[in-house]
Amino acid sequence: MKYLLLVYSEEERLHVLPESPDDAECLAYAEEIQESGHMIAGEALESVQTSTTVRVRNGKATVTDGPFAETKEQLAGFYLVDAGDLDIAIRMASKIPAARVGSVEVRPIRELKP
């Protein structure tokens, strides 16, 4: 089963806390799950300040700068993994270095039916 591991953190604190991971540690983790055969895709995201939100209401698209909602933590990156079950996905999420300073949401992928 596929799971999306969504990494959230407070941008201002992500790289300043003593327990904050550096890029090398994050890359090492990505290589580890890639080599295990579980990783399908994964990326770090640019600052939430670079995001754009698109909403369509009554057939009209509205584009605004920034994230959809004000939150304390922002989406910082993701891993799309293939795990045998939720327990395996949770174990993978618990090893993501950024989980020490933020949180990781584990979300099953829903297959769309035609």
C-alpha atoms as a PDB file:
ATOM      1  CA  MET A   1       0.000   0.000   0.000  1.00  0.00           C
ATOM      2  CA  LYS A   2       1.174   3.515  -0.761  1.00  0.00           C
ATOM      3  CA  TYR A   3       1.436   6.185   1.933  1.00  0.00           C
ATOM      4  CA  LEU A   4       2.254   9.872   1.767  1.00  0.00           C
ATOM      5  CA  LEU A   5       4.449  11.003   4.648  1.00  0.00           C
ATOM      6  CA  LEU A   6       3.841  14.746   4.946  1.00  0.00           C
ATOM      7  CA  VAL A   7       6.555  16.604   6.863  1.00  0.00           C
ATOM      8  CA  TYR A   8       5.398  19.706   8.752  1.00  0.00           C
ATOM      9  CA  SER A   9       7.486  22.211  10.679  1.00  0.00           C
ATOM     10  CA  GLU A  10       7.574  25.816  11.771  1.00  0.00           C
ATOM     11  CA  GLU A  11       9.738  27.416   9.093  1.00  0.00           C
ATOM     12  CA  GLU A  12      11.304  29.919  11.457  1.00  0.00           C
ATOM     13  CA  ARG A  13      12.453  27.146  13.791  1.00  0.00           C
ATOM     14  CA  LEU A  14      13.250  24.349  11.337  1.00  0.00           C
ATOM     15  CA  HIS A  15      16.972  25.036  11.057  1.00  0.00           C
ATOM     16  CA  VAL A  16      17.708  26.904  14.293  1.00  0.00           C
ATOM     17  CA  LEU A  17      16.937  24.406  17.065  1.00  0.00           C
ATOM     18  CA  PRO A  18      19.804  22.270  18.410  1.00  0.00           C
ATOM     19  CA  GLU A  19      17.987  19.090  17.323  1.00  0.00           C
ATOM     20  CA  SER A  20      17.298  20.457  13.819  1.00  0.00           C
ATOM     21  CA  PRO A  21      18.513  18.186  11.025  1.00  0.00           C
ATOM     22  CA  ASP A  22      20.827  19.518   8.359  1.00  0.00           C
ATOM     23  CA  ASP A  23      20.459  18.815   4.644  1.00  0.00           C
ATOM     24  CA  ALA A  24      23.101  16.057   4.749  1.00  0.00           C
ATOM     25  CA  GLU A  25      21.131  14.102   7.367  1.00  0.00           C
ATOM     26  CA  CYS A  26      17.906  14.495   5.390  1.00  0.00           C
ATOM     27  CA  LEU A  27      19.623  13.348   2.187  1.00  0.00           C
ATOM     28  CA  ALA A  28      21.092  10.345   4.018  1.00  0.00           C
ATOM     29  CA  TYR A  29      17.622   9.339   5.221  1.00  0.00           C
ATOM     30  CA  ALA A  30      16.196   9.708   1.710  1.00  0.00           C
ATOM     31  CA  GLU A  31      18.989   7.485   0.360  1.00  0.00           C
ATOM     32  CA  GLU A  32      18.294   4.922   3.106  1.00  0.00           C
ATOM     33  CA  ILE A  33      14.618   4.504   2.261  1.00  0.00           C
ATOM     34  CA  GLN A  34      15.403   4.653  -1.468  1.00  0.00           C
ATOM     35  CA  GLU A  35      17.831   1.752  -1.048  1.00  0.00           C
ATOM     36  CA  SER A  36      15.247  -0.174   1.018  1.00  0.00           C
ATOM     37  CA  GLY A  37      12.937  -0.148  -2.005  1.00  0.00           C
ATOM     38  CA  HIS A  38      10.138   1.697  -0.192  1.00  0.00           C
ATOM     39  CA  MET A  39      10.530   5.201  -1.615  1.00  0.00           C
ATOM     40  CA  ILE A  40       8.565   6.146  -4.712  1.00  0.00           C
ATOM     41  CA  ALA A  41       9.234   9.898  -4.534  1.00  0.00           C
ATOM     42  CA  GLY A  42      10.243  12.574  -2.071  1.00  0.00           C
ATOM     43  CA  GLU A  43      11.103  16.246  -2.107  1.00  0.00           C
ATOM     44  CA  ALA A  44      11.771  19.145   0.209  1.00  0.00           C
ATOM     45  CA  LEU A  45       9.669  22.205  -0.498  1.00  0.00           C
ATOM     46  CA  GLU A  46      10.669  25.848  -0.815  1.00  0.00           C
ATOM     47  CA  SER A  47       9.470  28.342   1.806  1.00  0.00           C
ATOM     48  CA  VAL A  48       5.740  28.717   2.331  1.00  0.00           C
ATOM     49  CA  GLN A  49       6.283  32.335   1.265  1.00  0.00           C
ATOM     50  CA  THR A  50       6.793  31.082  -2.310  1.00  0.00           C
ATOM     51  CA  SER A  51       3.488  29.188  -2.433  1.00  0.00           C
ATOM     52  CA  THR A  52       0.420  30.083  -4.446  1.00  0.00           C
ATOM     53  CA  THR A  53      -3.103  28.924  -3.659  1.00  0.00           C
ATOM     54  CA  VAL A  54      -5.699  28.319  -6.385  1.00  0.00           C
ATOM     55  CA  ARG A  55      -9.398  28.091  -5.617  1.00  0.00           C
ATOM     56  CA  VAL A  56     -12.175  27.516  -8.157  1.00  0.00           C
ATOM     57  CA  ARG A  57     -15.642  28.715  -7.219  1.00  0.00           C
ATOM     58  CA  ASN A  58     -18.560  28.841  -9.641  1.00  0.00           C
ATOM     59  CA  GLY A  59     -16.188  28.054 -12.495  1.00  0.00           C
ATOM     60  CA  LYS A  60     -13.868  30.989 -11.750  1.00  0.00           C
ATOM     61  CA  ALA A  61     -10.275  30.507 -10.577  1.00  0.00           C
ATOM     62  CA  THR A  62      -8.888  32.797  -7.905  1.00  0.00           C
ATOM     63  CA  VAL A  63      -5.140  32.850  -7.296  1.00  0.00           C
ATOM     64  CA  THR A  64      -3.630  34.180  -4.058  1.00  0.00           C
ATOM     65  CA  ASP A  65      -0.107  34.281  -2.709  1.00  0.00           C
ATOM     66  CA  GLY A  66       0.748  32.072   0.221  1.00  0.00           C
ATOM     67  CA  PRO A  67      -0.700  28.951   1.767  1.00  0.00           C
ATOM     68  CA  PHE A  68      -4.361  27.994   1.891  1.00  0.00           C
ATOM     69  CA  ALA A  69      -4.701  28.592   5.644  1.00  0.00           C
ATOM     70  CA  GLU A  70      -2.755  30.193   8.450  1.00  0.00           C
ATOM     71  CA  THR A  71      -1.212  27.466  10.553  1.00  0.00           C
ATOM     72  CA  LYS A  72       1.616  27.236  13.046  1.00  0.00           C
ATOM     73  CA  GLU A  73       3.344  24.499  11.056  1.00  0.00           C
ATOM     74  CA  GLN A  74       3.782  24.492   7.299  1.00  0.00           C
ATOM     75  CA  LEU A  75       4.246  21.661   4.837  1.00  0.00           C
ATOM     76  CA  ALA A  76       8.023  21.363   4.405  1.00  0.00           C
ATOM     77  CA  GLY A  77       8.300  18.252   2.250  1.00  0.00           C
ATOM     78  CA  PHE A  78       7.025  14.771   1.584  1.00  0.00           C
ATOM     79  CA  TYR A  79       7.925  11.156   0.945  1.00  0.00           C
ATOM     80  CA  LEU A  80       5.700   8.907  -1.138  1.00  0.00           C
ATOM     81  CA  VAL A  81       6.434   5.361  -0.002  1.00  0.00           C
ATOM     82  CA  ASP A  82       5.255   1.846  -0.652  1.00  0.00           C
ATOM     83  CA  ALA A  83       4.841   0.116   2.700  1.00  0.00           C
ATOM     84  CA  GLY A  84       3.319  -3.236   3.556  1.00  0.00           C
ATOM     85  CA  ASP A  85       1.032  -1.694   6.157  1.00  0.00           C
ATOM     86  CA  LEU A  86       0.445   1.336   8.354  1.00  0.00           C
ATOM     87  CA  ASP A  87       2.878   0.125  11.038  1.00  0.00           C
ATOM     88  CA  ILE A  88       5.740   0.041   8.520  1.00  0.00           C
ATOM     89  CA  ALA A  89       4.793   3.506   7.234  1.00  0.00           C
ATOM     90  CA  ILE A  90       4.743   4.835  10.811  1.00  0.00           C
ATOM     91  CA  ARG A  91       8.199   3.379  11.475  1.00  0.00           C
ATOM     92  CA  MET A  92       9.510   5.111   8.340  1.00  0.00           C
ATOM     93  CA  ALA A  93       7.874   8.388   9.401  1.00  0.00           C
ATOM     94  CA  SER A  94       9.415   8.177  12.873  1.00  0.00           C
ATOM     95  CA  LYS A  95      12.899   8.069  11.331  1.00  0.00           C
ATOM     96  CA  ILE A  96      12.461  11.238   9.249  1.00  0.00           C
ATOM     97  CA  PRO A  97      14.985  13.674  10.766  1.00  0.00           C
ATOM     98  CA  ALA A  98      12.606  16.656  10.651  1.00  0.00           C
ATOM     99  CA  ALA A  99      10.137  14.789  12.898  1.00  0.00           C
ATOM    100  CA  ARG A 100      12.389  15.868  15.801  1.00  0.00           C
ATOM    101  CA  VAL A 101      11.392  19.509  15.296  1.00  0.00           C
ATOM    102  CA  GLY A 102       8.020  19.153  13.584  1.00  0.00           C
ATOM    103  CA  SER A 103       5.549  16.427  12.770  1.00  0.00           C
ATOM    104  CA  VAL A 104       4.894  13.859  10.059  1.00  0.00           C
ATOM    105  CA  GLU A 105       1.388  13.044   8.901  1.00  0.00           C
ATOM    106  CA  VAL A 106       1.021   9.515   7.517  1.00  0.00           C
ATOM    107  CA  ARG A 107      -1.749   9.389   4.943  1.00  0.00           C
ATOM    108  CA  PRO A 108      -2.798   6.339   2.904  1.00  0.00           C
ATOM    109  CA  ILE A 109      -3.086   6.917  -0.838  1.00  0.00           C
ATOM    110  CA  ARG A 110      -6.605   6.362  -2.171  1.00  0.00           C
ATOM    111  CA  GLU A 111      -6.739   4.753  -5.572  1.00  0.00           C
ATOM    112  CA  LEU A 112      -9.195   6.557  -7.826  1.00  0.00           C
ATOM    113  CA  LYS A 113     -11.728   4.397  -9.565  1.00  0.00           C
ATOM    114  CA  PRO A 114     -12.683   5.280 -13.165  1.00  0.00           C
END
